[in-house]
Amino acid sequence: MDWRPPPKMPGSYWKIRRVGQVISAIFILSIFATAYFQNTYIHYPTRPEPADGKIVGVLIKGSVHYITHQEWLYTRWAFDTSIVSGVLIALILAVIYLRYGKDGFRRDLMK
């Protein structure tokens, strides 16, 4: 294996990489938020309770639990954020590979 010095990457590479890092952080936070919400809702009632406003049925770990509409919106927002940020991460990785080739993923550039 021959060693070659790291290429001088243009400023746009570092900007794309920084955007990718921010979106990756958002992805991880949204995954944790979704898991947190679902683990919280597992202790909620399995029958609707209109007096408490828990009327929206959600399938969590194989059983239906009822939550409020506002809680459903929070869960849906976290889940949608994780999907969108995951797609953006894939697009950024594709752009880095297509624009900079294999040099965009070299270990010595990760410092």
PDB file of N, CA and C in Angstrom:
ATOM      1  N   MET A   1       0.850  -1.179   0.000  1.00  0.00           N
ATOM      2  CA  MET A   1       0.000   0.000   0.000  1.00  0.00           C
ATOM      3  C   MET A   1       0.893   1.239   0.000  1.00  0.00           C
ATOM      4  N   ASP A   2       0.729   2.020  -0.999  1.00  0.00           N
ATOM      5  CA  ASP A   2       1.555   3.224  -1.091  1.00  0.00           C
ATOM      6  C   ASP A   2       0.881   4.384  -0.373  1.00  0.00           C
ATOM      7  N   TRP A   3       1.702   5.162   0.292  1.00  0.00           N
ATOM      8  CA  TRP A   3       1.196   6.302   1.032  1.00  0.00           C
ATOM      9  C   TRP A   3       1.309   7.526   0.155  1.00  0.00           C
ATOM     10  N   ARG A   4       0.291   8.358   0.193  1.00  0.00           N
ATOM     11  CA  ARG A   4       0.348   9.627  -0.524  1.00  0.00           C
ATOM     12  C   ARG A   4      -0.162  10.718   0.408  1.00  0.00           C
ATOM     13  N   PRO A   5       0.357  11.904   0.286  1.00  0.00           N
ATOM     14  CA  PRO A   5      -0.057  12.971   1.193  1.00  0.00           C
ATOM     15  C   PRO A   5      -1.526  13.324   0.961  1.00  0.00           C
ATOM     16  N   PRO A   6      -2.183  13.821   2.006  1.00  0.00           N
ATOM     17  CA  PRO A   6      -3.594  14.176   1.838  1.00  0.00           C
ATOM     18  C   PRO A   6      -3.758  15.312   0.837  1.00  0.00           C
ATOM     19  N   PRO A   7      -4.784  15.234   0.017  1.00  0.00           N
ATOM     20  CA  PRO A   7      -4.986  16.309  -0.958  1.00  0.00           C
ATOM     21  C   PRO A   7      -5.474  17.569  -0.271  1.00  0.00           C
ATOM     22  N   LYS A   8      -5.191  18.683  -0.887  1.00  0.00           N
ATOM     23  CA  LYS A   8      -5.712  19.956  -0.392  1.00  0.00           C
ATOM     24  C   LYS A   8      -7.164  20.057  -0.840  1.00  0.00           C
ATOM     25  N   MET A   9      -8.043  19.949   0.123  1.00  0.00           N
ATOM     26  CA  MET A   9      -9.461  19.997  -0.214  1.00  0.00           C
ATOM     27  C   MET A   9      -9.924  21.451  -0.230  1.00  0.00           C
ATOM     28  N   PRO A  10     -10.804  21.786  -1.178  1.00  0.00           N
ATOM     29  CA  PRO A  10     -11.299  23.171  -1.247  1.00  0.00           C
ATOM     30  C   PRO A  10     -12.215  23.491  -0.069  1.00  0.00           C
ATOM     31  N   GLY A  11     -12.475  24.760   0.103  1.00  0.00           N
ATOM     32  CA  GLY A  11     -13.305  25.213   1.209  1.00  0.00           C
ATOM     33  C   GLY A  11     -14.716  24.659   1.172  1.00  0.00           C
ATOM     34  N   SER A  12     -15.225  24.392  -0.028  1.00  0.00           N
ATOM     35  CA  SER A  12     -16.586  23.858  -0.126  1.00  0.00           C
ATOM     36  C   SER A  12     -16.671  22.462   0.487  1.00  0.00           C
ATOM     37  N   TYR A  13     -15.590  21.697   0.437  1.00  0.00           N
ATOM     38  CA  TYR A  13     -15.583  20.361   1.048  1.00  0.00           C
ATOM     39  C   TYR A  13     -15.806  20.474   2.555  1.00  0.00           C
ATOM     40  N   TRP A  14     -15.116  21.407   3.169  1.00  0.00           N
ATOM     41  CA  TRP A  14     -15.219  21.553   4.618  1.00  0.00           C
ATOM     42  C   TRP A  14     -16.601  22.081   5.014  1.00  0.00           C
ATOM     43  N   LYS A  15     -17.201  22.914   4.170  1.00  0.00           N
ATOM     44  CA  LYS A  15     -18.558  23.398   4.453  1.00  0.00           C
ATOM     45  C   LYS A  15     -19.572  22.261   4.350  1.00  0.00           C
ATOM     46  N   ILE A  16     -19.447  21.439   3.311  1.00  0.00           N
ATOM     47  CA  ILE A  16     -20.347  20.294   3.147  1.00  0.00           C
ATOM     48  C   ILE A  16     -20.179  19.337   4.315  1.00  0.00           C
ATOM     49  N   ARG A  17     -18.948  19.130   4.713  1.00  0.00           N
ATOM     50  CA  ARG A  17     -18.687  18.223   5.835  1.00  0.00           C
ATOM     51  C   ARG A  17     -19.281  18.760   7.137  1.00  0.00           C
ATOM     52  N   ARG A  18     -19.183  20.067   7.370  1.00  0.00           N
ATOM     53  CA  ARG A  18     -19.733  20.671   8.576  1.00  0.00           C
ATOM     54  C   ARG A  18     -21.263  20.554   8.579  1.00  0.00           C
ATOM     55  N   VAL A  19     -21.899  20.789   7.439  1.00  0.00           N
ATOM     56  CA  VAL A  19     -23.346  20.638   7.339  1.00  0.00           C
ATOM     57  C   VAL A  19     -23.724  19.186   7.629  1.00  0.00           C
ATOM     58  N   GLY A  20     -22.954  18.248   7.120  1.00  0.00           N
ATOM     59  CA  GLY A  20     -23.200  16.837   7.393  1.00  0.00           C
ATOM     60  C   GLY A  20     -23.086  16.504   8.868  1.00  0.00           C
ATOM     61  N   GLN A  21     -22.143  17.106   9.549  1.00  0.00           N
ATOM     62  CA  GLN A  21     -21.985  16.864  10.984  1.00  0.00           C
ATOM     63  C   GLN A  21     -23.174  17.414  11.769  1.00  0.00           C
ATOM     64  N   VAL A  22     -23.646  18.583  11.393  1.00  0.00           N
ATOM     65  CA  VAL A  22     -24.797  19.175  12.082  1.00  0.00           C
ATOM     66  C   VAL A  22     -26.046  18.324  11.854  1.00  0.00           C
ATOM     67  N   ILE A  23     -26.261  17.894  10.615  1.00  0.00           N
ATOM     68  CA  ILE A  23     -27.430  17.068  10.321  1.00  0.00           C
ATOM     69  C   ILE A  23     -27.318  15.721  11.025  1.00  0.00           C
ATOM     70  N   SER A  24     -26.119  15.189  11.143  1.00  0.00           N
ATOM     71  CA  SER A  24     -25.933  13.931  11.878  1.00  0.00           C
ATOM     72  C   SER A  24     -26.299  14.095  13.347  1.00  0.00           C
ATOM     73  N   ALA A  25     -25.937  15.225  13.934  1.00  0.00           N
ATOM     74  CA  ALA A  25     -26.304  15.483  15.329  1.00  0.00           C
ATOM     75  C   ALA A  25     -27.817  15.593  15.482  1.00  0.00           C
ATOM     76  N   ILE A  26     -28.466  16.259  14.530  1.00  0.00           N
ATOM     77  CA  ILE A  26     -29.928  16.363  14.559  1.00  0.00           C
ATOM     78  C   ILE A  26     -30.554  14.978  14.421  1.00  0.00           C
ATOM     79  N   PHE A  27     -29.992  14.138  13.554  1.00  0.00           N
ATOM     80  CA  PHE A  27     -30.493  12.780  13.366  1.00  0.00           C
ATOM     81  C   PHE A  27     -30.424  11.986  14.666  1.00  0.00           C
ATOM     82  N   ILE A  28     -29.290  12.043  15.327  1.00  0.00           N
ATOM     83  CA  ILE A  28     -29.115  11.290  16.579  1.00  0.00           C
ATOM     84  C   ILE A  28     -30.064  11.798  17.652  1.00  0.00           C
ATOM     85  N   LEU A  29     -30.193  13.116  17.780  1.00  0.00           N
ATOM     86  CA  LEU A  29     -31.107  13.681  18.782  1.00  0.00           C
ATOM     87  C   LEU A  29     -32.567  13.303  18.508  1.00  0.00           C
ATOM     88  N   SER A  30     -32.952  13.294  17.238  1.00  0.00           N
ATOM     89  CA  SER A  30     -34.346  12.940  16.923  1.00  0.00           C
ATOM     90  C   SER A  30     -34.621  11.464  17.169  1.00  0.00           C
ATOM     91  N   ILE A  31     -33.635  10.598  16.940  1.00  0.00           N
ATOM     92  CA  ILE A  31     -33.796   9.174  17.251  1.00  0.00           C
ATOM     93  C   ILE A  31     -33.977   9.000  18.760  1.00  0.00           C
ATOM     94  N   PHE A  32     -33.151   9.682  19.548  1.00  0.00           N
ATOM     95  CA  PHE A  32     -33.279   9.595  21.004  1.00  0.00           C
ATOM     96  C   PHE A  32     -34.615  10.168  21.477  1.00  0.00           C
ATOM     97  N   ALA A  33     -35.075  11.252  20.872  1.00  0.00           N
ATOM     98  CA  ALA A  33     -36.356  11.841  21.258  1.00  0.00           C
ATOM     99  C   ALA A  33     -37.503  10.886  20.950  1.00  0.00           C
ATOM    100  N   THR A  34     -37.476  10.252  19.791  1.00  0.00           N
ATOM    101  CA  THR A  34     -38.520   9.294  19.440  1.00  0.00           C
ATOM    102  C   THR A  34     -38.537   8.125  20.417  1.00  0.00           C
ATOM    103  N   ALA A  35     -37.370   7.604  20.745  1.00  0.00           N
ATOM    104  CA  ALA A  35     -37.292   6.489  21.696  1.00  0.00           C
ATOM    105  C   ALA A  35     -37.759   6.921  23.078  1.00  0.00           C
ATOM    106  N   TYR A  36     -37.399   8.131  23.483  1.00  0.00           N
ATOM    107  CA  TYR A  36     -37.839   8.640  24.783  1.00  0.00           C
ATOM    108  C   TYR A  36     -39.360   8.736  24.850  1.00  0.00           C
ATOM    109  N   PHE A  37     -39.960   9.307  23.795  1.00  0.00           N
ATOM    110  CA  PHE A  37     -41.420   9.440  23.778  1.00  0.00           C
ATOM    111  C   PHE A  37     -42.085   8.072  23.841  1.00  0.00           C
ATOM    112  N   GLN A  38     -41.598   7.134  23.046  1.00  0.00           N
ATOM    113  CA  GLN A  38     -42.230   5.814  23.031  1.00  0.00           C
ATOM    114  C   GLN A  38     -42.062   5.094  24.365  1.00  0.00           C
ATOM    115  N   ASN A  39     -40.920   5.235  24.990  1.00  0.00           N
ATOM    116  CA  ASN A  39     -40.740   4.607  26.297  1.00  0.00           C
ATOM    117  C   ASN A  39     -41.585   5.284  27.379  1.00  0.00           C
ATOM    118  N   THR A  40     -41.904   6.542  27.198  1.00  0.00           N
ATOM    119  CA  THR A  40     -42.788   7.228  28.133  1.00  0.00           C
ATOM    120  C   THR A  40     -44.224   6.774  27.938  1.00  0.00           C
ATOM    121  N   TYR A  41     -44.632   6.597  26.693  1.00  0.00           N
ATOM    122  CA  TYR A  41     -46.021   6.257  26.392  1.00  0.00           C
ATOM    123  C   TYR A  41     -46.353   4.799  26.703  1.00  0.00           C
ATOM    124  N   ILE A  42     -45.375   3.948  26.914  1.00  0.00           N
ATOM    125  CA  ILE A  42     -45.640   2.534  27.179  1.00  0.00           C
ATOM    126  C   ILE A  42     -46.426   2.357  28.475  1.00  0.00           C
ATOM    127  N   HIS A  43     -46.360   3.337  29.367  1.00  0.00           N
ATOM    128  CA  HIS A  43     -47.079   3.262  30.645  1.00  0.00           C
ATOM    129  C   HIS A  43     -48.434   3.968  30.588  1.00  0.00           C
ATOM    130  N   TYR A  44     -48.803   4.447  29.428  1.00  0.00           N
ATOM    131  CA  TYR A  44     -50.084   5.136  29.271  1.00  0.00           C
ATOM    132  C   TYR A  44     -51.211   4.108  29.148  1.00  0.00           C
ATOM    133  N   PRO A  45     -52.451   4.549  29.276  1.00  0.00           N
ATOM    134  CA  PRO A  45     -53.580   3.603  29.264  1.00  0.00           C
ATOM    135  C   PRO A  45     -53.749   2.909  27.909  1.00  0.00           C
ATOM    136  N   THR A  46     -54.309   1.703  27.970  1.00  0.00           N
ATOM    137  CA  THR A  46     -54.570   0.945  26.749  1.00  0.00           C
ATOM    138  C   THR A  46     -56.008   1.108  26.277  1.00  0.00           C
ATOM    139  N   ARG A  47     -56.778   1.925  26.966  1.00  0.00           N
ATOM    140  CA  ARG A  47     -58.140   2.280  26.558  1.00  0.00           C
ATOM    141  C   ARG A  47     -58.236   3.795  26.511  1.00  0.00           C
ATOM    142  N   PRO A  48     -59.034   4.339  25.596  1.00  0.00           N
ATOM    143  CA  PRO A  48     -59.150   5.799  25.520  1.00  0.00           C
ATOM    144  C   PRO A  48     -59.720   6.394  26.801  1.00  0.00           C
ATOM    145  N   GLU A  49     -59.162   7.537  27.180  1.00  0.00           N
ATOM    146  CA  GLU A  49     -59.659   8.287  28.344  1.00  0.00           C
ATOM    147  C   GLU A  49     -59.972   9.708  27.895  1.00  0.00           C
ATOM    148  N   PRO A  50     -61.200   9.930  27.407  1.00  0.00           N
ATOM    149  CA  PRO A  50     -61.547  11.264  26.899  1.00  0.00           C
ATOM    150  C   PRO A  50     -61.448  12.361  27.954  1.00  0.00           C
ATOM    151  N   ALA A  51     -61.636  12.026  29.213  1.00  0.00           N
ATOM    152  CA  ALA A  51     -61.558  13.044  30.271  1.00  0.00           C
ATOM    153  C   ALA A  51     -60.155  13.639  30.359  1.00  0.00           C
ATOM    154  N   ASP A  52     -59.135  12.804  30.145  1.00  0.00           N
ATOM    155  CA  ASP A  52     -57.742  13.276  30.163  1.00  0.00           C
ATOM    156  C   ASP A  52     -57.265  13.720  28.792  1.00  0.00           C
ATOM    157  N   GLY A  53     -58.074  13.523  27.770  1.00  0.00           N
ATOM    158  CA  GLY A  53     -57.692  13.894  26.408  1.00  0.00           C
ATOM    159  C   GLY A  53     -56.857  12.840  25.710  1.00  0.00           C
ATOM    160  N   LYS A  54     -56.705  11.677  26.299  1.00  0.00           N
ATOM    161  CA  LYS A  54     -55.895  10.602  25.703  1.00  0.00           C
ATOM    162  C   LYS A  54     -56.781   9.765  24.792  1.00  0.00           C
ATOM    163  N   ILE A  55     -56.900  10.238  23.545  1.00  0.00           N
ATOM    164  CA  ILE A  55     -57.806   9.589  22.601  1.00  0.00           C
ATOM    165  C   ILE A  55     -57.126   9.143  21.317  1.00  0.00           C
ATOM    166  N   VAL A  56     -55.862   9.451  21.129  1.00  0.00           N
ATOM    167  CA  VAL A  56     -55.142   9.081  19.919  1.00  0.00           C
ATOM    168  C   VAL A  56     -54.414   7.763  20.180  1.00  0.00           C
ATOM    169  N   GLY A  57     -54.785   6.726  19.439  1.00  0.00           N
ATOM    170  CA  GLY A  57     -54.159   5.423  19.618  1.00  0.00           C
ATOM    171  C   GLY A  57     -52.838   5.328  18.878  1.00  0.00           C
ATOM    172  N   VAL A  58     -51.811   4.823  19.570  1.00  0.00           N
ATOM    173  CA  VAL A  58     -50.485   4.675  18.987  1.00  0.00           C
ATOM    174  C   VAL A  58     -49.989   3.269  19.292  1.00  0.00           C
ATOM    175  N   LEU A  59     -49.483   2.602  18.253  1.00  0.00           N
ATOM    176  CA  LEU A  59     -48.936   1.257  18.444  1.00  0.00           C
ATOM    177  C   LEU A  59     -47.495   1.376  18.932  1.00  0.00           C
ATOM    178  N   ILE A  60     -47.245   0.914  20.157  1.00  0.00           N
ATOM    179  CA  ILE A  60     -45.912   0.977  20.746  1.00  0.00           C
ATOM    180  C   ILE A  60     -45.574  -0.400  21.292  1.00  0.00           C
ATOM    181  N   LYS A  61     -44.517  -0.978  20.753  1.00  0.00           N
ATOM    182  CA  LYS A  61     -44.023  -2.282  21.203  1.00  0.00           C
ATOM    183  C   LYS A  61     -45.112  -3.348  21.204  1.00  0.00           C
ATOM    184  N   GLY A  62     -45.937  -3.352  20.180  1.00  0.00           N
ATOM    185  CA  GLY A  62     -46.924  -4.399  20.005  1.00  0.00           C
ATOM    186  C   GLY A  62     -48.257  -4.191  20.684  1.00  0.00           C
ATOM    187  N   SER A  63     -48.465  -3.090  21.384  1.00  0.00           N
ATOM    188  CA  SER A  63     -49.765  -2.831  22.006  1.00  0.00           C
ATOM    189  C   SER A  63     -50.171  -1.381  21.755  1.00  0.00           C
ATOM    190  N   VAL A  64     -51.463  -1.154  21.731  1.00  0.00           N
ATOM    191  CA  VAL A  64     -51.992   0.181  21.457  1.00  0.00           C
ATOM    192  C   VAL A  64     -52.137   0.936  22.774  1.00  0.00           C
ATOM    193  N   HIS A  65     -51.529   2.119  22.803  1.00  0.00           N
ATOM    194  CA  HIS A  65     -51.642   3.011  23.960  1.00  0.00           C
ATOM    195  C   HIS A  65     -52.234   4.320  23.475  1.00  0.00           C
ATOM    196  N   TYR A  66     -52.945   4.994  24.353  1.00  0.00           N
ATOM    197  CA  TYR A  66     -53.636   6.223  23.973  1.00  0.00           C
ATOM    198  C   TYR A  66     -52.933   7.432  24.577  1.00  0.00           C
ATOM    199  N   ILE A  67     -52.682   8.407  23.704  1.00  0.00           N
ATOM    200  CA  ILE A  67     -51.988   9.632  24.092  1.00  0.00           C
ATOM    201  C   ILE A  67     -52.816  10.825  23.642  1.00  0.00           C
ATOM    202  N   THR A  68     -52.414  12.012  24.086  1.00  0.00           N
ATOM    203  CA  THR A  68     -53.118  13.224  23.663  1.00  0.00           C
ATOM    204  C   THR A  68     -52.663  13.610  22.263  1.00  0.00           C
ATOM    205  N   HIS A  69     -53.426  14.487  21.644  1.00  0.00           N
ATOM    206  CA  HIS A  69     -53.075  14.935  20.296  1.00  0.00           C
ATOM    207  C   HIS A  69     -51.743  15.691  20.296  1.00  0.00           C
ATOM    208  N   GLN A  70     -51.509  16.501  21.312  1.00  0.00           N
ATOM    209  CA  GLN A  70     -50.255  17.261  21.396  1.00  0.00           C
ATOM    210  C   GLN A  70     -49.056  16.314  21.529  1.00  0.00           C
ATOM    211  N   GLU A  71     -49.190  15.275  22.329  1.00  0.00           N
ATOM    212  CA  GLU A  71     -48.105  14.295  22.459  1.00  0.00           C
ATOM    213  C   GLU A  71     -47.872  13.564  21.147  1.00  0.00           C
ATOM    214  N   TRP A  72     -48.944  13.291  20.424  1.00  0.00           N
ATOM    215  CA  TRP A  72     -48.802  12.653  19.118  1.00  0.00           C
ATOM    216  C   TRP A  72     -48.043  13.560  18.159  1.00  0.00           C
ATOM    217  N   LEU A  73     -48.332  14.863  18.215  1.00  0.00           N
ATOM    218  CA  LEU A  73     -47.628  15.802  17.338  1.00  0.00           C
ATOM    219  C   LEU A  73     -46.126  15.838  17.652  1.00  0.00           C
ATOM    220  N   TYR A  74     -45.761  15.829  18.937  1.00  0.00           N
ATOM    221  CA  TYR A  74     -44.350  15.806  19.314  1.00  0.00           C
ATOM    222  C   TYR A  74     -43.661  14.542  18.805  1.00  0.00           C
ATOM    223  N   THR A  75     -44.325  13.401  18.978  1.00  0.00           N
ATOM    224  CA  THR A  75     -43.755  12.141  18.528  1.00  0.00           C
ATOM    225  C   THR A  75     -43.615  12.120  17.013  1.00  0.00           C
ATOM    226  N   ARG A  76     -44.624  12.585  16.329  1.00  0.00           N
ATOM    227  CA  ARG A  76     -44.599  12.611  14.864  1.00  0.00           C
ATOM    228  C   ARG A  76     -43.505  13.549  14.366  1.00  0.00           C
ATOM    229  N   TRP A  77     -43.350  14.689  15.014  1.00  0.00           N
ATOM    230  CA  TRP A  77     -42.316  15.642  14.621  1.00  0.00           C
ATOM    231  C   TRP A  77     -40.933  15.022  14.782  1.00  0.00           C
ATOM    232  N   ALA A  78     -40.683  14.350  15.901  1.00  0.00           N
ATOM    233  CA  ALA A  78     -39.377  13.723  16.120  1.00  0.00           C
ATOM    234  C   ALA A  78     -39.131  12.620  15.106  1.00  0.00           C
ATOM    235  N   PHE A  79     -40.143  11.821  14.809  1.00  0.00           N
ATOM    236  CA  PHE A  79     -39.996  10.736  13.842  1.00  0.00           C
ATOM    237  C   PHE A  79     -39.746  11.284  12.440  1.00  0.00           C
ATOM    238  N   ASP A  80     -40.508  12.291  12.023  1.00  0.00           N
ATOM    239  CA  ASP A  80     -40.311  12.887  10.697  1.00  0.00           C
ATOM    240  C   ASP A  80     -38.943  13.549  10.580  1.00  0.00           C
ATOM    241  N   THR A  81     -38.489  14.176  11.662  1.00  0.00           N
ATOM    242  CA  THR A  81     -37.164  14.800  11.648  1.00  0.00           C
ATOM    243  C   THR A  81     -36.077  13.748  11.447  1.00  0.00           C
ATOM    244  N   SER A  82     -36.230  12.591  12.081  1.00  0.00           N
ATOM    245  CA  SER A  82     -35.220  11.543  11.915  1.00  0.00           C
ATOM    246  C   SER A  82     -35.202  11.020  10.481  1.00  0.00           C
ATOM    247  N   ILE A  83     -36.352  10.894   9.849  1.00  0.00           N
ATOM    248  CA  ILE A  83     -36.395  10.416   8.466  1.00  0.00           C
ATOM    249  C   ILE A  83     -35.769  11.438   7.522  1.00  0.00           C
ATOM    250  N   VAL A  84     -36.161  12.687   7.645  1.00  0.00           N
ATOM    251  CA  VAL A  84     -35.636  13.727   6.754  1.00  0.00           C
ATOM    252  C   VAL A  84     -34.133  13.897   6.935  1.00  0.00           C
ATOM    253  N   SER A  85     -33.661  13.921   8.179  1.00  0.00           N
ATOM    254  CA  SER A  85     -32.219  14.091   8.398  1.00  0.00           C
ATOM    255  C   SER A  85     -31.446  12.864   7.918  1.00  0.00           C
ATOM    256  N   GLY A  86     -32.008  11.672   8.030  1.00  0.00           N
ATOM    257  CA  GLY A  86     -31.347  10.480   7.498  1.00  0.00           C
ATOM    258  C   GLY A  86     -31.193  10.531   5.990  1.00  0.00           C
ATOM    259  N   VAL A  87     -32.227  11.002   5.303  1.00  0.00           N
ATOM    260  CA  VAL A  87     -32.149  11.152   3.843  1.00  0.00           C
ATOM    261  C   VAL A  87     -31.118  12.213   3.478  1.00  0.00           C
ATOM    262  N   LEU A  88     -31.080  13.307   4.223  1.00  0.00           N
ATOM    263  CA  LEU A  88     -30.090  14.359   3.946  1.00  0.00           C
ATOM    264  C   LEU A  88     -28.665  13.867   4.172  1.00  0.00           C
ATOM    265  N   ILE A  89     -28.467  13.034   5.189  1.00  0.00           N
ATOM    266  CA  ILE A  89     -27.133  12.471   5.420  1.00  0.00           C
ATOM    267  C   ILE A  89     -26.717  11.619   4.225  1.00  0.00           C
ATOM    268  N   ALA A  90     -27.630  10.805   3.726  1.00  0.00           N
ATOM    269  CA  ALA A  90     -27.318   9.967   2.562  1.00  0.00           C
ATOM    270  C   ALA A  90     -26.983  10.827   1.345  1.00  0.00           C
ATOM    271  N   LEU A  91     -27.719  11.912   1.148  1.00  0.00           N
ATOM    272  CA  LEU A  91     -27.429  12.800   0.020  1.00  0.00           C
ATOM    273  C   LEU A  91     -26.071  13.486   0.168  1.00  0.00           C
ATOM    274  N   ILE A  92     -25.744  13.904   1.377  1.00  0.00           N
ATOM    275  CA  ILE A  92     -24.450  14.562   1.596  1.00  0.00           C
ATOM    276  C   ILE A  92     -23.308  13.580   1.353  1.00  0.00           C
ATOM    277  N   LEU A  93     -23.461  12.340   1.825  1.00  0.00           N
ATOM    278  CA  LEU A  93     -22.423  11.341   1.563  1.00  0.00           C
ATOM    279  C   LEU A  93     -22.278  11.084   0.073  1.00  0.00           C
ATOM    280  N   ALA A  94     -23.392  11.057  -0.653  1.00  0.00           N
ATOM    281  CA  ALA A  94     -23.331  10.861  -2.101  1.00  0.00           C
ATOM    282  C   ALA A  94     -22.644  12.039  -2.780  1.00  0.00           C
ATOM    283  N   VAL A  95     -22.942  13.247  -2.341  1.00  0.00           N
ATOM    284  CA  VAL A  95     -22.304  14.431  -2.935  1.00  0.00           C
ATOM    285  C   VAL A  95     -20.806  14.410  -2.676  1.00  0.00           C
ATOM    286  N   ILE A  96     -20.403  14.086  -1.458  1.00  0.00           N
ATOM    287  CA  ILE A  96     -18.968  14.034  -1.156  1.00  0.00           C
ATOM    288  C   ILE A  96     -18.281  12.990  -2.019  1.00  0.00           C
ATOM    289  N   TYR A  97     -18.894  11.819  -2.173  1.00  0.00           N
ATOM    290  CA  TYR A  97     -18.269  10.762  -2.971  1.00  0.00           C
ATOM    291  C   TYR A  97     -18.226  11.138  -4.449  1.00  0.00           C
ATOM    292  N   LEU A  98     -19.323  11.667  -4.970  1.00  0.00           N
ATOM    293  CA  LEU A  98     -19.366  11.989  -6.395  1.00  0.00           C
ATOM    294  C   LEU A  98     -18.496  13.197  -6.744  1.00  0.00           C
ATOM    295  N   ARG A  99     -18.392  14.138  -5.824  1.00  0.00           N
ATOM    296  CA  ARG A  99     -17.631  15.346  -6.132  1.00  0.00           C
ATOM    297  C   ARG A  99     -16.139  15.204  -5.834  1.00  0.00           C
ATOM    298  N   TYR A 100     -15.793  14.513  -4.747  1.00  0.00           N
ATOM    299  CA  TYR A 100     -14.397  14.441  -4.320  1.00  0.00           C
ATOM    300  C   TYR A 100     -13.824  13.035  -4.409  1.00  0.00           C
ATOM    301  N   GLY A 101     -14.626  12.066  -4.799  1.00  0.00           N
ATOM    302  CA  GLY A 101     -14.137  10.705  -4.949  1.00  0.00           C
ATOM    303  C   GLY A 101     -13.792  10.071  -3.608  1.00  0.00           C
ATOM    304  N   LYS A 102     -12.956   9.068  -3.676  1.00  0.00           N
ATOM    305  CA  LYS A 102     -12.582   8.360  -2.456  1.00  0.00           C
ATOM    306  C   LYS A 102     -11.736   9.221  -1.527  1.00  0.00           C
ATOM    307  N   ASP A 103     -11.128  10.274  -2.056  1.00  0.00           N
ATOM    308  CA  ASP A 103     -10.329  11.160  -1.205  1.00  0.00           C
ATOM    309  C   ASP A 103     -11.198  11.881  -0.171  1.00  0.00           C
ATOM    310  N   GLY A 104     -12.487  12.014  -0.443  1.00  0.00           N
ATOM    311  CA  GLY A 104     -13.377  12.678   0.500  1.00  0.00           C
ATOM    312  C   GLY A 104     -13.590  11.884   1.776  1.00  0.00           C
ATOM    313  N   PHE A 105     -13.219  10.587   1.766  1.00  0.00           N
ATOM    314  CA  PHE A 105     -13.429   9.725   2.927  1.00  0.00           C
ATOM    315  C   PHE A 105     -12.120   9.231   3.538  1.00  0.00           C
ATOM    316  N   ARG A 106     -11.021   9.846   3.172  1.00  0.00           N
ATOM    317  CA  ARG A 106      -9.728   9.391   3.701  1.00  0.00           C
ATOM    318  C   ARG A 106      -9.615   9.681   5.185  1.00  0.00           C
ATOM    319  N   ARG A 107      -8.986   8.760   5.896  1.00  0.00           N
ATOM    320  CA  ARG A 107      -8.838   8.888   7.361  1.00  0.00           C
ATOM    321  C   ARG A 107      -8.004  10.091   7.756  1.00  0.00           C
ATOM    322  N   ASP A 108      -6.965  10.388   7.003  1.00  0.00           N
ATOM    323  CA  ASP A 108      -6.079  11.482   7.410  1.00  0.00           C
ATOM    324  C   ASP A 108      -6.749  12.845   7.236  1.00  0.00           C
ATOM    325  N   LEU A 109      -7.898  12.907   6.580  1.00  0.00           N
ATOM    326  CA  LEU A 109      -8.631  14.164   6.480  1.00  0.00           C
ATOM    327  C   LEU A 109      -9.577  14.365   7.665  1.00  0.00           C
ATOM    328  N   MET A 110      -9.796  13.333   8.433  1.00  0.00           N
ATOM    329  CA  MET A 110     -10.786  13.388   9.509  1.00  0.00           C
ATOM    330  C   MET A 110     -10.262  14.073  10.769  1.00  0.00           C
ATOM    331  N   LYS A 111      -9.073  14.565  10.750  1.00  0.00           N
ATOM    332  CA  LYS A 111      -8.497  15.201  11.941  1.00  0.00           C
ATOM    333  C   LYS A 111      -8.991  16.616  12.101  1.00  0.00           C
TER     334      LYS A 111
END
